[in-house]
Amino acid sequence: MEKKEISFRINGEEVVLHVSPNRTLLEMIREDLKLTGTKEGCGIGDCGACTVLLDGVPVNSCLVLAVEADKKEILTIEGLKENDKLHPVQESFIENTALQCGFCTPGMIMSSYALLKRNKAPNEEEIREAIAGNLCRCTGYVKIIEAVKKASSSIGGK
């Protein structure tokens, strides 16, 4: 199968790659770029562990072809920190023990980050809606919702 050249920006860096047309964004991120924070859970778009932002919109990277990222901006969990300092959403998840096994955490944080970019003071219903595509088997969501609320207050929300 002939590979296609794509160029995109990931976590602030310009990248040019040659990818097979059937390669997923998740495979490209994890295997080609070695950014392993993005997880593969179900592989069919049900769990949200592979959530990344594509042009600012949360997507299940297991369902998006890598070629669809051509000329776009990708943000992964690794791209949230600035100058080796965790983003307030990441800090809040840690401080509020909103994780246990941690497998869902990158996708959950990316969905929460996207919500807080468009709504600095979401209510509980809005938070639940934003993370509805992310499944967690460990925490029961209460701590996750608390972490998002606290992160919102630390970045300028209520």
C-alpha atoms as a PDB file:
ATOM      1  CA  MET A   1       0.000   0.000   0.000  1.00  0.00           C
ATOM      2  CA  GLU A   2       1.405   3.364  -0.989  1.00  0.00           C
ATOM      3  CA  LYS A   3       2.122   5.753   1.862  1.00  0.00           C
ATOM      4  CA  LYS A   4       0.904   9.338   1.869  1.00  0.00           C
ATOM      5  CA  GLU A   5       2.918  12.297   3.113  1.00  0.00           C
ATOM      6  CA  ILE A   6       1.127  14.335   5.741  1.00  0.00           C
ATOM      7  CA  SER A   7       2.207  17.396   7.684  1.00  0.00           C
ATOM      8  CA  PHE A   8       0.683  18.548  10.932  1.00  0.00           C
ATOM      9  CA  ARG A   9       1.469  20.213  14.210  1.00  0.00           C
ATOM     10  CA  ILE A  10       1.480  18.061  17.347  1.00  0.00           C
ATOM     11  CA  ASN A  11       1.958  19.545  20.811  1.00  0.00           C
ATOM     12  CA  GLY A  12       3.365  22.665  19.178  1.00  0.00           C
ATOM     13  CA  GLU A  13       5.883  20.912  16.912  1.00  0.00           C
ATOM     14  CA  GLU A  14       5.727  20.689  13.122  1.00  0.00           C
ATOM     15  CA  VAL A  15       5.892  17.104  11.833  1.00  0.00           C
ATOM     16  CA  VAL A  16       6.010  15.524   8.382  1.00  0.00           C
ATOM     17  CA  LEU A  17       5.404  11.776   8.114  1.00  0.00           C
ATOM     18  CA  HIS A  18       4.662   9.162   5.482  1.00  0.00           C
ATOM     19  CA  VAL A  19       1.743   7.013   6.640  1.00  0.00           C
ATOM     20  CA  SER A  20      -0.326   4.194   5.222  1.00  0.00           C
ATOM     21  CA  PRO A  21      -3.864   5.284   4.320  1.00  0.00           C
ATOM     22  CA  ASN A  22      -5.338   2.761   6.776  1.00  0.00           C
ATOM     23  CA  ARG A  23      -3.171   3.769   9.773  1.00  0.00           C
ATOM     24  CA  THR A  24      -5.106   5.300  12.629  1.00  0.00           C
ATOM     25  CA  LEU A  25      -4.220   8.532  14.359  1.00  0.00           C
ATOM     26  CA  LEU A  26      -3.744   6.514  17.556  1.00  0.00           C
ATOM     27  CA  GLU A  27      -1.218   4.177  15.900  1.00  0.00           C
ATOM     28  CA  MET A  28       0.654   7.118  14.440  1.00  0.00           C
ATOM     29  CA  ILE A  29       0.794   8.942  17.786  1.00  0.00           C
ATOM     30  CA  ARG A  30       1.873   5.924  19.837  1.00  0.00           C
ATOM     31  CA  GLU A  31       4.015   3.963  17.402  1.00  0.00           C
ATOM     32  CA  ASP A  32       5.475   6.513  14.996  1.00  0.00           C
ATOM     33  CA  LEU A  33       5.797   9.483  17.349  1.00  0.00           C
ATOM     34  CA  LYS A  34       6.359   7.463  20.555  1.00  0.00           C
ATOM     35  CA  LEU A  35       3.852   9.560  22.516  1.00  0.00           C
ATOM     36  CA  THR A  36       2.445   6.791  24.689  1.00  0.00           C
ATOM     37  CA  GLY A  37       0.261   8.873  27.004  1.00  0.00           C
ATOM     38  CA  THR A  38      -2.639   8.343  24.605  1.00  0.00           C
ATOM     39  CA  LYS A  39      -4.005   4.867  25.386  1.00  0.00           C
ATOM     40  CA  GLU A  40      -5.808   2.253  23.338  1.00  0.00           C
ATOM     41  CA  GLY A  41      -8.632   0.806  25.350  1.00  0.00           C
ATOM     42  CA  CYS A  42     -11.367  -0.678  23.208  1.00  0.00           C
ATOM     43  CA  GLY A  43     -10.222   0.228  19.700  1.00  0.00           C
ATOM     44  CA  ILE A  44     -13.817   0.919  18.608  1.00  0.00           C
ATOM     45  CA  GLY A  45     -14.478   4.399  19.991  1.00  0.00           C
ATOM     46  CA  ASP A  46     -16.448   3.383  23.064  1.00  0.00           C
ATOM     47  CA  CYS A  47     -14.067   4.042  25.962  1.00  0.00           C
ATOM     48  CA  GLY A  48     -12.388   7.406  25.237  1.00  0.00           C
ATOM     49  CA  ALA A  49      -8.950   6.338  26.513  1.00  0.00           C
ATOM     50  CA  CYS A  50      -7.491   7.471  23.186  1.00  0.00           C
ATOM     51  CA  THR A  51      -9.000  10.980  23.260  1.00  0.00           C
ATOM     52  CA  VAL A  52      -6.837  13.716  21.760  1.00  0.00           C
ATOM     53  CA  LEU A  53      -7.731  17.144  20.429  1.00  0.00           C
ATOM     54  CA  LEU A  54      -7.778  17.581  16.661  1.00  0.00           C
ATOM     55  CA  ASP A  55      -8.046  21.275  15.810  1.00  0.00           C
ATOM     56  CA  GLY A  56      -9.318  21.805  19.356  1.00  0.00           C
ATOM     57  CA  VAL A  57     -12.062  19.169  19.189  1.00  0.00           C
ATOM     58  CA  PRO A  58     -11.889  15.971  21.268  1.00  0.00           C
ATOM     59  CA  VAL A  59     -11.753  12.876  19.038  1.00  0.00           C
ATOM     60  CA  ASN A  60     -11.296   9.166  19.595  1.00  0.00           C
ATOM     61  CA  SER A  61      -7.959   8.739  17.856  1.00  0.00           C
ATOM     62  CA  CYS A  62      -8.662   5.035  17.299  1.00  0.00           C
ATOM     63  CA  LEU A  63     -11.461   6.043  14.888  1.00  0.00           C
ATOM     64  CA  VAL A  64      -9.611   8.776  12.978  1.00  0.00           C
ATOM     65  CA  LEU A  65      -7.254   7.935  10.150  1.00  0.00           C
ATOM     66  CA  ALA A  66      -3.822   9.513  10.403  1.00  0.00           C
ATOM     67  CA  VAL A  67      -4.237  11.037   6.932  1.00  0.00           C
ATOM     68  CA  GLU A  68      -7.160  13.060   8.323  1.00  0.00           C
ATOM     69  CA  ALA A  69      -4.661  14.952  10.502  1.00  0.00           C
ATOM     70  CA  ASP A  70      -2.969  16.448   7.442  1.00  0.00           C
ATOM     71  CA  LYS A  71      -2.550  20.209   7.915  1.00  0.00           C
ATOM     72  CA  LYS A  72      -4.193  20.080  11.351  1.00  0.00           C
ATOM     73  CA  GLU A  73      -3.241  20.680  14.961  1.00  0.00           C
ATOM     74  CA  ILE A  74      -3.090  17.725  17.367  1.00  0.00           C
ATOM     75  CA  LEU A  75      -2.842  18.046  21.128  1.00  0.00           C
ATOM     76  CA  THR A  76      -2.082  15.010  23.290  1.00  0.00           C
ATOM     77  CA  ILE A  77      -1.743  14.651  27.045  1.00  0.00           C
ATOM     78  CA  GLU A  78       2.013  15.242  26.683  1.00  0.00           C
ATOM     79  CA  GLY A  79       1.325  18.646  25.143  1.00  0.00           C
ATOM     80  CA  LEU A  80      -0.605  20.051  28.097  1.00  0.00           C
ATOM     81  CA  LYS A  81       2.376  20.750  30.320  1.00  0.00           C
ATOM     82  CA  GLU A  82       4.309  23.955  29.863  1.00  0.00           C
ATOM     83  CA  ASN A  83       7.952  24.308  30.904  1.00  0.00           C
ATOM     84  CA  ASP A  84       7.746  20.971  32.766  1.00  0.00           C
ATOM     85  CA  LYS A  85       4.782  22.264  34.792  1.00  0.00           C
ATOM     86  CA  LEU A  86       1.573  20.261  34.653  1.00  0.00           C
ATOM     87  CA  HIS A  87      -1.580  21.959  33.398  1.00  0.00           C
ATOM     88  CA  PRO A  88      -4.090  22.892  36.154  1.00  0.00           C
ATOM     89  CA  VAL A  89      -6.423  20.100  34.977  1.00  0.00           C
ATOM     90  CA  GLN A  90      -3.635  17.552  35.391  1.00  0.00           C
ATOM     91  CA  GLU A  91      -2.730  18.992  38.802  1.00  0.00           C
ATOM     92  CA  SER A  92      -6.361  18.905  39.891  1.00  0.00           C
ATOM     93  CA  PHE A  93      -6.747  15.240  38.934  1.00  0.00           C
ATOM     94  CA  ILE A  94      -3.734  14.424  41.113  1.00  0.00           C
ATOM     95  CA  GLU A  95      -4.724  16.653  44.045  1.00  0.00           C
ATOM     96  CA  ASN A  96      -8.305  15.363  44.058  1.00  0.00           C
ATOM     97  CA  THR A  97      -7.349  11.694  43.599  1.00  0.00           C
ATOM     98  CA  ALA A  98      -9.425  11.547  40.427  1.00  0.00           C
ATOM     99  CA  LEU A  99      -7.540   8.498  39.216  1.00  0.00           C
ATOM    100  CA  GLN A 100      -6.763   5.028  40.370  1.00  0.00           C
ATOM    101  CA  CYS A 101      -5.320   2.748  37.721  1.00  0.00           C
ATOM    102  CA  GLY A 102      -4.758   5.795  35.487  1.00  0.00           C
ATOM    103  CA  PHE A 103      -5.602   4.120  32.196  1.00  0.00           C
ATOM    104  CA  CYS A 104      -8.565   6.389  31.388  1.00  0.00           C
ATOM    105  CA  THR A 105      -6.894   9.479  32.840  1.00  0.00           C
ATOM    106  CA  PRO A 106      -5.239  10.921  29.698  1.00  0.00           C
ATOM    107  CA  GLY A 107      -8.478  10.746  27.709  1.00  0.00           C
ATOM    108  CA  MET A 108     -10.515  12.048  30.636  1.00  0.00           C
ATOM    109  CA  ILE A 109      -8.124  14.975  31.084  1.00  0.00           C
ATOM    110  CA  MET A 110      -8.179  15.809  27.370  1.00  0.00           C
ATOM    111  CA  SER A 111     -12.004  15.873  27.327  1.00  0.00           C
ATOM    112  CA  SER A 112     -12.011  18.005  30.486  1.00  0.00           C
ATOM    113  CA  TYR A 113      -9.384  20.357  29.062  1.00  0.00           C
ATOM    114  CA  ALA A 114     -11.459  20.827  25.889  1.00  0.00           C
ATOM    115  CA  LEU A 115     -14.522  21.634  28.006  1.00  0.00           C
ATOM    116  CA  LEU A 116     -12.635  24.196  30.095  1.00  0.00           C
ATOM    117  CA  LYS A 117     -11.234  25.859  26.966  1.00  0.00           C
ATOM    118  CA  ARG A 118     -14.776  26.655  25.817  1.00  0.00           C
ATOM    119  CA  ASN A 119     -16.485  26.998  29.213  1.00  0.00           C
ATOM    120  CA  LYS A 120     -14.376  28.260  32.110  1.00  0.00           C
ATOM    121  CA  ALA A 121     -17.103  27.601  34.700  1.00  0.00           C
ATOM    122  CA  PRO A 122     -19.066  24.475  33.746  1.00  0.00           C
ATOM    123  CA  ASN A 123     -21.731  23.088  36.026  1.00  0.00           C
ATOM    124  CA  GLU A 124     -21.878  19.415  36.971  1.00  0.00           C
ATOM    125  CA  GLU A 125     -24.241  18.523  34.123  1.00  0.00           C
ATOM    126  CA  GLU A 126     -21.924  20.156  31.575  1.00  0.00           C
ATOM    127  CA  ILE A 127     -18.940  18.283  33.019  1.00  0.00           C
ATOM    128  CA  ARG A 128     -20.829  14.978  32.888  1.00  0.00           C
ATOM    129  CA  GLU A 129     -21.778  15.648  29.275  1.00  0.00           C
ATOM    130  CA  ALA A 130     -18.188  16.538  28.338  1.00  0.00           C
ATOM    131  CA  ILE A 131     -16.779  13.307  29.800  1.00  0.00           C
ATOM    132  CA  ALA A 132     -19.674  11.090  28.696  1.00  0.00           C
ATOM    133  CA  GLY A 133     -17.482   9.499  26.019  1.00  0.00           C
ATOM    134  CA  ASN A 134     -14.824   8.519  28.557  1.00  0.00           C
ATOM    135  CA  LEU A 135     -15.267   5.380  30.594  1.00  0.00           C
ATOM    136  CA  CYS A 136     -13.616   4.790  33.965  1.00  0.00           C
ATOM    137  CA  ARG A 137     -13.820   1.458  35.722  1.00  0.00           C
ATOM    138  CA  CYS A 138     -12.207   2.572  38.983  1.00  0.00           C
ATOM    139  CA  THR A 139     -13.268   5.936  40.406  1.00  0.00           C
ATOM    140  CA  GLY A 140     -17.019   6.177  40.005  1.00  0.00           C
ATOM    141  CA  TYR A 141     -16.676   9.663  38.411  1.00  0.00           C
ATOM    142  CA  VAL A 142     -17.342  11.648  41.612  1.00  0.00           C
ATOM    143  CA  LYS A 143     -13.676  12.547  42.112  1.00  0.00           C
ATOM    144  CA  ILE A 144     -13.276  13.252  38.382  1.00  0.00           C
ATOM    145  CA  ILE A 145     -16.146  15.730  38.414  1.00  0.00           C
ATOM    146  CA  GLU A 146     -14.739  17.353  41.571  1.00  0.00           C
ATOM    147  CA  ALA A 147     -11.322  17.644  39.908  1.00  0.00           C
ATOM    148  CA  VAL A 148     -12.785  19.367  36.836  1.00  0.00           C
ATOM    149  CA  LYS A 149     -14.739  21.785  39.042  1.00  0.00           C
ATOM    150  CA  LYS A 150     -11.610  22.651  41.041  1.00  0.00           C
ATOM    151  CA  ALA A 151      -9.531  23.007  37.871  1.00  0.00           C
ATOM    152  CA  SER A 152     -12.127  25.416  36.531  1.00  0.00           C
ATOM    153  CA  SER A 153     -11.755  27.654  39.579  1.00  0.00           C
ATOM    154  CA  SER A 154      -7.971  27.637  39.267  1.00  0.00           C
ATOM    155  CA  ILE A 155      -8.065  28.732  35.609  1.00  0.00           C
ATOM    156  CA  GLY A 156     -10.547  31.542  35.997  1.00  0.00           C
ATOM    157  CA  GLY A 157     -13.942  29.925  36.444  1.00  0.00           C
ATOM    158  CA  LYS A 158     -16.267  30.282  39.430  1.00  0.00           C
END
